Amino acid sequence: MTETKQRNLFRIIAGTLMLISGLVSIVLTSGEAIIGSIFLTAGLVFVITGIIRHRKYGDKTESDERSKKIGAYGLSYGWLTGIFFMFGLFWLDYLGILRMGTQLALALSIVVLALSTLIYRMYLFRRGDVD
């Protein structure tokens, strides 16, 4: 079994175990446990990711030097965007222009970090390479 197939199989198995654990947790705690919801969500993500990657790549390798380089650049650009966003939030709060709670500021920062990284990576993959 190739490394790619084995990794996808592990994703599917781990996801299935997480799904079962989440269901058991929800049933045993009468649906009040947040941990059950977390396990259900994570398990679903693992199973879907494993299936999609298996269909997309099969026996082929998932990454090469070019894709690793693009991923690294996308991550770097995403983090820079996140830093500038947090810098802007700080000044907006300091100047009294925009007041928000800690939870909202952190949530927005996480969303900006994740989305900007994803957008930069998609852009760089479409462009073909980084210089």
Protein backbone atom coordinates (compact mmCIF):
# COMPACT_ATOMS: atom_id res chain seq x y z
CA MET A 1 0.00 0.00 0.00
CA THR A 2 1.42 3.37 -1.00
CA GLU A 3 2.00 6.12 1.55
CA THR A 4 -0.78 8.26 0.05
CA LYS A 5 -3.35 5.45 0.24
CA GLN A 6 -2.27 4.60 3.78
CA ARG A 7 -2.57 8.23 4.91
CA ASN A 8 -6.06 8.53 3.42
CA LEU A 9 -7.10 5.24 5.03
CA PHE A 10 -5.87 6.53 8.41
CA ARG A 11 -7.89 9.72 7.91
CA ILE A 12 -11.04 7.73 7.19
CA ILE A 13 -10.49 5.37 10.15
CA ALA A 14 -9.73 8.23 12.56
CA GLY A 15 -12.78 10.13 11.30
CA THR A 16 -15.02 7.11 11.74
CA LEU A 17 -13.76 6.58 15.30
CA MET A 18 -14.35 10.25 16.08
CA LEU A 19 -17.87 10.07 14.63
CA ILE A 20 -18.68 7.04 16.77
CA SER A 21 -17.17 8.68 19.87
CA GLY A 22 -19.20 11.83 19.26
CA LEU A 23 -22.43 9.90 18.84
CA VAL A 24 -21.79 7.87 22.00
CA SER A 25 -20.97 11.03 23.93
CA ILE A 26 -24.15 12.76 22.80
CA VAL A 27 -26.31 9.72 23.57
CA LEU A 28 -24.79 9.15 27.02
CA THR A 29 -25.05 12.80 28.09
CA SER A 30 -28.55 13.37 26.70
CA GLY A 31 -27.27 15.73 24.02
CA GLU A 32 -25.81 18.30 26.41
CA ALA A 33 -22.10 17.64 25.90
CA ILE A 34 -20.22 20.02 23.64
CA ILE A 35 -17.43 17.47 23.26
CA GLY A 36 -19.79 15.19 21.33
CA SER A 37 -20.47 17.95 18.80
CA ILE A 38 -16.77 18.64 18.47
CA PHE A 39 -16.02 14.97 17.83
CA LEU A 40 -18.85 14.72 15.30
CA THR A 41 -17.61 17.74 13.38
CA ALA A 42 -13.96 16.69 13.44
CA GLY A 43 -14.84 13.12 12.46
CA LEU A 44 -16.92 14.31 9.55
CA VAL A 45 -14.07 16.52 8.35
CA PHE A 46 -11.57 13.64 8.59
CA VAL A 47 -13.83 11.22 6.69
CA ILE A 48 -14.67 13.73 3.94
CA THR A 49 -11.03 14.79 3.59
CA GLY A 50 -9.87 11.18 3.34
CA ILE A 51 -12.45 10.29 0.71
CA ILE A 52 -11.86 13.43 -1.38
CA ARG A 53 -8.08 13.05 -1.29
CA HIS A 54 -8.34 9.36 -2.19
CA ARG A 55 -10.53 10.16 -5.20
CA LYS A 56 -8.40 13.10 -6.27
CA TYR A 57 -4.92 11.59 -5.90
CA GLY A 58 -5.34 7.81 -5.76
CA ASP A 59 -1.79 6.40 -6.01
CA LYS A 60 -0.21 9.66 -7.18
CA THR A 61 1.81 11.83 -4.84
CA GLU A 62 -0.11 14.63 -3.15
CA SER A 63 2.62 17.24 -3.24
CA ASP A 64 5.83 18.13 -4.97
CA GLU A 65 8.44 20.84 -4.49
CA ARG A 66 6.37 23.42 -6.37
CA SER A 67 3.22 22.87 -4.32
CA LYS A 68 5.20 22.92 -1.05
CA LYS A 69 6.81 26.21 -2.07
CA ILE A 70 3.44 27.72 -3.02
CA GLY A 71 1.95 26.52 0.27
CA ALA A 72 4.78 28.11 2.25
CA TYR A 73 4.43 31.43 0.43
CA GLY A 74 0.65 31.40 0.82
CA LEU A 75 1.00 30.76 4.54
CA SER A 76 3.57 33.57 4.88
CA TYR A 77 1.39 36.04 3.00
CA GLY A 78 -1.66 34.96 5.03
CA TRP A 79 0.12 35.55 8.32
CA LEU A 80 1.33 38.96 7.17
CA THR A 81 -2.24 39.86 6.23
CA GLY A 82 -3.40 38.66 9.66
CA ILE A 83 -0.75 40.73 11.44
CA PHE A 84 -1.77 43.86 9.51
CA PHE A 85 -5.44 43.14 10.27
CA MET A 86 -4.72 42.82 14.01
CA PHE A 87 -2.61 45.97 13.86
CA GLY A 88 -5.59 47.76 12.29
CA LEU A 89 -7.95 46.41 14.97
CA PHE A 90 -5.59 47.65 17.67
CA TRP A 91 -5.49 51.18 16.27
CA LEU A 92 -9.24 51.29 15.64
CA ASP A 93 -9.79 50.36 19.29
CA TYR A 94 -7.06 52.67 20.61
CA LEU A 95 -8.49 55.66 18.74
CA GLY A 96 -12.02 54.80 19.87
CA ILE A 97 -13.30 54.36 16.32
CA LEU A 98 -14.35 50.73 16.73
CA ARG A 99 -14.87 49.01 20.08
CA MET A 100 -15.31 45.25 20.17
CA GLY A 101 -14.97 42.49 22.71
CA THR A 102 -12.04 40.13 22.96
CA GLN A 103 -14.01 37.16 21.65
CA LEU A 104 -15.12 39.00 18.53
CA ALA A 105 -11.64 40.39 17.85
CA LEU A 106 -10.06 36.95 18.20
CA ALA A 107 -12.73 35.31 16.06
CA LEU A 108 -12.31 37.89 13.30
CA SER A 109 -8.54 37.51 13.45
CA ILE A 110 -8.77 33.73 13.11
CA VAL A 111 -11.15 34.03 10.16
CA VAL A 112 -8.90 36.59 8.43
CA LEU A 113 -5.81 34.42 9.00
CA ALA A 114 -7.46 31.28 7.64
CA LEU A 115 -9.26 32.87 4.69
CA SER A 116 -6.34 35.01 3.57
CA THR A 117 -4.02 31.99 3.59
CA LEU A 118 -6.53 30.00 1.56
CA ILE A 119 -7.04 32.84 -0.93
CA TYR A 120 -3.30 33.43 -1.36
CA ARG A 121 -2.67 29.72 -1.93
CA MET A 122 -5.47 29.49 -4.51
CA TYR A 123 -4.14 32.58 -6.28
CA LEU A 124 -0.55 31.31 -6.32
CA PHE A 125 -1.60 27.85 -7.57
CA ARG A 126 -3.52 29.46 -10.42
CA ARG A 127 -0.56 31.68 -11.22
CA GLY A 128 1.62 28.61 -11.42
CA ASP A 129 4.66 29.43 -9.33
CA VAL A 130 6.22 31.95 -6.98
CA ASP A 131 9.39 33.95 -7.53
